[in-house]
Amino acid sequence: EDSRESPVSPYSLAKAMASHLCLMLHRTRAFPAVVARPFLTYGPRQEGGMFIPALLRACLEGRDFEMTPGEQTREFNFVGDIVEGLLLAALTPAALGEIINLGSGREVTVRETAALIVKLTGSKTVLKLGALPYRAGEAMRFFSSSEKAREILGWTSRTGLEEGLSLTFSALRAAAREKARAL
């Protein structure tokens, strides 16, 4: 939370600037602001081309999956845990004016996560490791320290990766069944 931001994209620059604006308004105008930084959140109903939902859909459909070599590390956080942290940040007076990371701090390689997803889904999906290059400016290690969240909010991430992935896949499979029934 105390480290200087180093944006690598217009999106990350916009987040850094919004954080500075909110904290400046808190300091100068008593604006009730908390900057919560949720780390890599996943869960049911997540759309788009993000890694976890894209791989889960490929597994559900039995398609092979192209990805980077997967040596980079990330921490993945289940949406229910992050929602709880956000609510606590909004309702805890001691959080005002603070930057608070919301994350598990549990670092895992993208390759290990992909293999776990294929195993949990029972899919025959083949992971095509190295079919895609790393993104420009890719952080090879990305995880949080959430000590401040524990101290100020009394919050910790409770859902392990395997449990969260299983819940997410179950929801995706149920949604696919519903969609098939509706057709």
C-alpha atoms as a PDB file:
ATOM      1  CA  GLU A   1       0.000   0.000   0.000  1.00  0.00           C
ATOM      2  CA  ASP A   2       2.923   2.376   0.617  1.00  0.00           C
ATOM      3  CA  SER A   3       4.792   1.572  -2.606  1.00  0.00           C
ATOM      4  CA  ARG A   4       4.787   4.114  -5.406  1.00  0.00           C
ATOM      5  CA  GLU A   5       2.631   3.006  -8.325  1.00  0.00           C
ATOM      6  CA  SER A   6       4.307   2.157 -11.602  1.00  0.00           C
ATOM      7  CA  PRO A   7       1.505   1.976 -14.200  1.00  0.00           C
ATOM      8  CA  VAL A   8       2.095  -0.173 -17.278  1.00  0.00           C
ATOM      9  CA  SER A   9      -1.088   0.680 -19.204  1.00  0.00           C
ATOM     10  CA  PRO A  10      -3.631   3.474 -19.569  1.00  0.00           C
ATOM     11  CA  TYR A  11      -5.963   1.388 -17.363  1.00  0.00           C
ATOM     12  CA  SER A  12      -3.457   1.085 -14.518  1.00  0.00           C
ATOM     13  CA  LEU A  13      -2.565   4.786 -14.871  1.00  0.00           C
ATOM     14  CA  ALA A  14      -6.248   5.723 -14.552  1.00  0.00           C
ATOM     15  CA  LYS A  15      -6.553   3.619 -11.381  1.00  0.00           C
ATOM     16  CA  ALA A  16      -3.472   5.262  -9.852  1.00  0.00           C
ATOM     17  CA  MET A  17      -4.740   8.753 -10.672  1.00  0.00           C
ATOM     18  CA  ALA A  18      -8.206   7.996  -9.277  1.00  0.00           C
ATOM     19  CA  SER A  19      -6.579   6.791  -6.044  1.00  0.00           C
ATOM     20  CA  HIS A  20      -4.539   9.991  -5.737  1.00  0.00           C
ATOM     21  CA  LEU A  21      -7.623  12.129  -6.424  1.00  0.00           C
ATOM     22  CA  CYS A  22      -9.739  10.366  -3.773  1.00  0.00           C
ATOM     23  CA  LEU A  23      -6.994  10.566  -1.151  1.00  0.00           C
ATOM     24  CA  MET A  24      -6.344  14.236  -1.937  1.00  0.00           C
ATOM     25  CA  LEU A  25     -10.066  14.968  -1.503  1.00  0.00           C
ATOM     26  CA  HIS A  26     -10.008  13.077   1.796  1.00  0.00           C
ATOM     27  CA  ARG A  27      -7.039  15.109   3.066  1.00  0.00           C
ATOM     28  CA  THR A  28      -8.235  18.503   1.839  1.00  0.00           C
ATOM     29  CA  ARG A  29     -12.026  18.276   1.987  1.00  0.00           C
ATOM     30  CA  ALA A  30     -12.735  15.496   4.506  1.00  0.00           C
ATOM     31  CA  PHE A  31     -14.223  13.452   1.664  1.00  0.00           C
ATOM     32  CA  PRO A  32     -14.927   9.968   3.097  1.00  0.00           C
ATOM     33  CA  ALA A  33     -12.630   7.908   0.850  1.00  0.00           C
ATOM     34  CA  VAL A  34     -10.982   4.516   1.130  1.00  0.00           C
ATOM     35  CA  VAL A  35      -8.851   3.115  -1.680  1.00  0.00           C
ATOM     36  CA  ALA A  36      -9.436  -0.616  -1.781  1.00  0.00           C
ATOM     37  CA  ARG A  37      -7.172  -2.598  -4.091  1.00  0.00           C
ATOM     38  CA  PRO A  38      -8.718  -5.983  -4.869  1.00  0.00           C
ATOM     39  CA  PHE A  39      -6.166  -8.346  -6.368  1.00  0.00           C
ATOM     40  CA  LEU A  40      -7.007 -10.581  -9.357  1.00  0.00           C
ATOM     41  CA  THR A  41     -10.597 -11.454  -8.610  1.00  0.00           C
ATOM     42  CA  TYR A  42     -12.479 -14.327 -10.222  1.00  0.00           C
ATOM     43  CA  GLY A  43     -15.772 -16.088  -9.685  1.00  0.00           C
ATOM     44  CA  PRO A  44     -19.189 -17.003 -11.058  1.00  0.00           C
ATOM     45  CA  ARG A  45     -20.592 -14.863 -13.884  1.00  0.00           C
ATOM     46  CA  GLN A  46     -17.224 -13.333 -14.771  1.00  0.00           C
ATOM     47  CA  GLU A  47     -17.296 -12.438 -18.439  1.00  0.00           C
ATOM     48  CA  GLY A  48     -14.683 -11.514 -20.961  1.00  0.00           C
ATOM     49  CA  GLY A  49     -11.354 -12.914 -21.944  1.00  0.00           C
ATOM     50  CA  MET A  50      -9.792 -13.054 -18.510  1.00  0.00           C
ATOM     51  CA  PHE A  51      -7.606 -16.127 -17.908  1.00  0.00           C
ATOM     52  CA  ILE A  52      -9.731 -18.153 -15.470  1.00  0.00           C
ATOM     53  CA  PRO A  53     -13.160 -17.790 -17.122  1.00  0.00           C
ATOM     54  CA  ALA A  54     -11.640 -18.280 -20.587  1.00  0.00           C
ATOM     55  CA  LEU A  55      -9.942 -21.517 -19.522  1.00  0.00           C
ATOM     56  CA  LEU A  56     -13.028 -22.752 -17.669  1.00  0.00           C
ATOM     57  CA  ARG A  57     -15.129 -22.184 -20.812  1.00  0.00           C
ATOM     58  CA  ALA A  58     -12.551 -24.028 -22.928  1.00  0.00           C
ATOM     59  CA  CYS A  59     -12.681 -26.942 -20.482  1.00  0.00           C
ATOM     60  CA  LEU A  60     -16.479 -26.974 -20.503  1.00  0.00           C
ATOM     61  CA  GLU A  61     -16.487 -27.020 -24.301  1.00  0.00           C
ATOM     62  CA  GLY A  62     -13.567 -29.475 -24.618  1.00  0.00           C
ATOM     63  CA  ARG A  63     -11.393 -27.019 -26.553  1.00  0.00           C
ATOM     64  CA  ASP A  64      -7.614 -26.777 -26.323  1.00  0.00           C
ATOM     65  CA  PHE A  65      -6.300 -23.624 -24.685  1.00  0.00           C
ATOM     66  CA  GLU A  66      -3.469 -21.432 -25.936  1.00  0.00           C
ATOM     67  CA  MET A  67      -1.537 -19.590 -23.261  1.00  0.00           C
ATOM     68  CA  THR A  68       1.840 -18.153 -22.327  1.00  0.00           C
ATOM     69  CA  PRO A  69       4.498 -20.476 -20.867  1.00  0.00           C
ATOM     70  CA  GLY A  70       2.756 -19.713 -17.540  1.00  0.00           C
ATOM     71  CA  GLU A  71       5.847 -19.120 -15.443  1.00  0.00           C
ATOM     72  CA  GLN A  72       4.504 -15.831 -14.092  1.00  0.00           C
ATOM     73  CA  THR A  73       2.956 -15.922 -10.634  1.00  0.00           C
ATOM     74  CA  ARG A  74      -0.332 -14.456  -9.552  1.00  0.00           C
ATOM     75  CA  GLU A  75      -2.669 -14.620  -6.634  1.00  0.00           C
ATOM     76  CA  PHE A  76      -6.281 -15.349  -7.469  1.00  0.00           C
ATOM     77  CA  ASN A  77      -9.061 -14.245  -5.118  1.00  0.00           C
ATOM     78  CA  PHE A  78     -12.612 -15.523  -5.006  1.00  0.00           C
ATOM     79  CA  VAL A  79     -15.208 -12.800  -5.579  1.00  0.00           C
ATOM     80  CA  GLY A  80     -17.153 -13.547  -2.378  1.00  0.00           C
ATOM     81  CA  ASP A  81     -14.075 -12.847  -0.258  1.00  0.00           C
ATOM     82  CA  ILE A  82     -13.351  -9.606  -2.116  1.00  0.00           C
ATOM     83  CA  VAL A  83     -16.963  -8.413  -1.740  1.00  0.00           C
ATOM     84  CA  GLU A  84     -16.726  -9.005   2.010  1.00  0.00           C
ATOM     85  CA  GLY A  85     -13.479  -6.975   2.122  1.00  0.00           C
ATOM     86  CA  LEU A  86     -15.027  -4.121   0.137  1.00  0.00           C
ATOM     87  CA  LEU A  87     -18.034  -3.967   2.456  1.00  0.00           C
ATOM     88  CA  LEU A  88     -15.781  -3.897   5.509  1.00  0.00           C
ATOM     89  CA  ALA A  89     -13.651  -1.158   3.926  1.00  0.00           C
ATOM     90  CA  ALA A  90     -16.775   0.922   3.297  1.00  0.00           C
ATOM     91  CA  LEU A  91     -18.136   0.424   6.822  1.00  0.00           C
ATOM     92  CA  THR A  92     -14.975   0.662   8.955  1.00  0.00           C
ATOM     93  CA  PRO A  93     -14.235   4.239  10.111  1.00  0.00           C
ATOM     94  CA  ALA A  94     -10.542   3.430  10.681  1.00  0.00           C
ATOM     95  CA  ALA A  95     -10.218   2.662   6.953  1.00  0.00           C
ATOM     96  CA  LEU A  96     -10.958   6.255   5.896  1.00  0.00           C
ATOM     97  CA  GLY A  97      -8.023   7.818   4.063  1.00  0.00           C
ATOM     98  CA  GLU A  98      -6.224   4.489   3.757  1.00  0.00           C
ATOM     99  CA  ILE A  99      -5.072   2.381   0.838  1.00  0.00           C
ATOM    100  CA  ILE A 100      -5.927  -1.243   1.631  1.00  0.00           C
ATOM    101  CA  ASN A 101      -4.960  -4.300  -0.397  1.00  0.00           C
ATOM    102  CA  LEU A 102      -7.566  -7.049  -0.582  1.00  0.00           C
ATOM    103  CA  GLY A 103      -5.903 -10.316  -1.450  1.00  0.00           C
ATOM    104  CA  SER A 104      -4.799 -13.674  -0.189  1.00  0.00           C
ATOM    105  CA  GLY A 105      -1.074 -13.145  -0.735  1.00  0.00           C
ATOM    106  CA  ARG A 106      -0.912 -16.794  -1.912  1.00  0.00           C
ATOM    107  CA  GLU A 107       1.330 -16.817  -4.966  1.00  0.00           C
ATOM    108  CA  VAL A 108       0.894 -19.540  -7.605  1.00  0.00           C
ATOM    109  CA  THR A 109       2.171 -19.885 -11.162  1.00  0.00           C
ATOM    110  CA  VAL A 110      -0.298 -19.424 -13.980  1.00  0.00           C
ATOM    111  CA  ARG A 111       0.817 -22.831 -15.310  1.00  0.00           C
ATOM    112  CA  GLU A 112      -0.040 -24.554 -12.008  1.00  0.00           C
ATOM    113  CA  THR A 113      -3.401 -22.789 -11.924  1.00  0.00           C
ATOM    114  CA  ALA A 114      -4.173 -23.894 -15.482  1.00  0.00           C
ATOM    115  CA  ALA A 115      -3.287 -27.509 -14.685  1.00  0.00           C
ATOM    116  CA  LEU A 116      -5.483 -27.376 -11.570  1.00  0.00           C
ATOM    117  CA  ILE A 117      -8.419 -26.066 -13.613  1.00  0.00           C
ATOM    118  CA  VAL A 118      -8.095 -28.868 -16.173  1.00  0.00           C
ATOM    119  CA  LYS A 119      -7.881 -31.438 -13.362  1.00  0.00           C
ATOM    120  CA  LEU A 120     -10.861 -30.022 -11.416  1.00  0.00           C
ATOM    121  CA  THR A 121     -13.071 -29.904 -14.501  1.00  0.00           C
ATOM    122  CA  GLY A 122     -12.156 -33.418 -15.627  1.00  0.00           C
ATOM    123  CA  SER A 123     -11.637 -31.983 -19.094  1.00  0.00           C
ATOM    124  CA  LYS A 124      -9.490 -33.362 -21.893  1.00  0.00           C
ATOM    125  CA  THR A 125      -8.442 -29.779 -22.731  1.00  0.00           C
ATOM    126  CA  VAL A 126      -4.803 -29.584 -23.774  1.00  0.00           C
ATOM    127  CA  LEU A 127      -2.893 -26.606 -22.422  1.00  0.00           C
ATOM    128  CA  LYS A 128      -0.806 -25.183 -25.259  1.00  0.00           C
ATOM    129  CA  LEU A 129       1.906 -23.681 -23.069  1.00  0.00           C
ATOM    130  CA  GLY A 130       4.003 -21.069 -24.842  1.00  0.00           C
ATOM    131  CA  ALA A 131       1.559 -20.657 -27.750  1.00  0.00           C
ATOM    132  CA  LEU A 132       1.145 -17.020 -26.705  1.00  0.00           C
ATOM    133  CA  PRO A 133       3.923 -14.589 -25.779  1.00  0.00           C
ATOM    134  CA  TYR A 134       4.024 -12.773 -22.482  1.00  0.00           C
ATOM    135  CA  ARG A 135       2.396  -9.331 -22.695  1.00  0.00           C
ATOM    136  CA  ALA A 136       4.630  -6.271 -23.022  1.00  0.00           C
ATOM    137  CA  GLY A 137       5.489  -5.099 -19.512  1.00  0.00           C
ATOM    138  CA  GLU A 138       4.205  -8.367 -17.969  1.00  0.00           C
ATOM    139  CA  ALA A 139       4.946  -8.585 -14.247  1.00  0.00           C
ATOM    140  CA  MET A 140       6.460 -11.998 -13.615  1.00  0.00           C
ATOM    141  CA  ARG A 141       5.430 -11.892  -9.947  1.00  0.00           C
ATOM    142  CA  PHE A 142       2.178 -10.263  -8.815  1.00  0.00           C
ATOM    143  CA  PHE A 143       0.707 -10.786  -5.364  1.00  0.00           C
ATOM    144  CA  SER A 144      -0.366  -8.699  -2.404  1.00  0.00           C
ATOM    145  CA  SER A 145       0.396  -8.115   1.207  1.00  0.00           C
ATOM    146  CA  SER A 146      -2.889  -7.893   3.062  1.00  0.00           C
ATOM    147  CA  GLU A 147      -1.618  -7.279   6.598  1.00  0.00           C
ATOM    148  CA  LYS A 148      -3.310  -3.865   6.667  1.00  0.00           C
ATOM    149  CA  ALA A 149      -6.670  -5.458   5.775  1.00  0.00           C
ATOM    150  CA  ARG A 150      -6.239  -7.874   8.686  1.00  0.00           C
ATOM    151  CA  GLU A 151      -5.255  -5.099  11.095  1.00  0.00           C
ATOM    152  CA  ILE A 152      -7.804  -2.430  10.128  1.00  0.00           C
ATOM    153  CA  LEU A 153     -10.717  -4.489   8.786  1.00  0.00           C
ATOM    154  CA  GLY A 154     -10.211  -7.828  10.528  1.00  0.00           C
ATOM    155  CA  TRP A 155     -10.422  -9.330   7.015  1.00  0.00           C
ATOM    156  CA  THR A 156      -8.652 -12.245   5.407  1.00  0.00           C
ATOM    157  CA  SER A 157      -9.344 -14.150   2.231  1.00  0.00           C
ATOM    158  CA  ARG A 158     -10.865 -17.489   3.254  1.00  0.00           C
ATOM    159  CA  THR A 159     -11.694 -19.317   0.036  1.00  0.00           C
ATOM    160  CA  GLY A 160      -8.831 -21.452  -1.231  1.00  0.00           C
ATOM    161  CA  LEU A 161      -8.072 -21.584  -4.935  1.00  0.00           C
ATOM    162  CA  GLU A 162      -9.321 -25.134  -5.440  1.00  0.00           C
ATOM    163  CA  GLU A 163     -12.612 -24.430  -3.653  1.00  0.00           C
ATOM    164  CA  GLY A 164     -13.160 -21.137  -5.495  1.00  0.00           C
ATOM    165  CA  LEU A 165     -12.409 -22.680  -8.883  1.00  0.00           C
ATOM    166  CA  SER A 166     -14.806 -25.536  -8.171  1.00  0.00           C
ATOM    167  CA  LEU A 167     -17.566 -23.096  -7.196  1.00  0.00           C
ATOM    168  CA  THR A 168     -16.914 -21.020 -10.294  1.00  0.00           C
ATOM    169  CA  PHE A 169     -16.942 -24.030 -12.622  1.00  0.00           C
ATOM    170  CA  SER A 170     -20.144 -25.367 -11.043  1.00  0.00           C
ATOM    171  CA  ALA A 171     -21.845 -22.018 -11.660  1.00  0.00           C
ATOM    172  CA  LEU A 172     -20.592 -21.918 -15.258  1.00  0.00           C
ATOM    173  CA  ARG A 173     -21.807 -25.467 -15.917  1.00  0.00           C
ATOM    174  CA  ALA A 174     -25.234 -24.677 -14.385  1.00  0.00           C
ATOM    175  CA  ALA A 175     -25.531 -21.524 -16.533  1.00  0.00           C
ATOM    176  CA  ALA A 176     -24.653 -23.533 -19.651  1.00  0.00           C
ATOM    177  CA  ARG A 177     -27.359 -26.109 -18.781  1.00  0.00           C
ATOM    178  CA  GLU A 178     -29.915 -23.320 -18.275  1.00  0.00           C
ATOM    179  CA  LYS A 179     -28.983 -21.748 -21.587  1.00  0.00           C
ATOM    180  CA  ALA A 180     -29.296 -25.122 -23.359  1.00  0.00           C
ATOM    181  CA  ARG A 181     -32.746 -25.692 -21.788  1.00  0.00           C
ATOM    182  CA  ALA A 182     -33.895 -22.251 -22.901  1.00  0.00           C
ATOM    183  CA  LEU A 183     -33.053 -23.042 -26.521  1.00  0.00           C
END
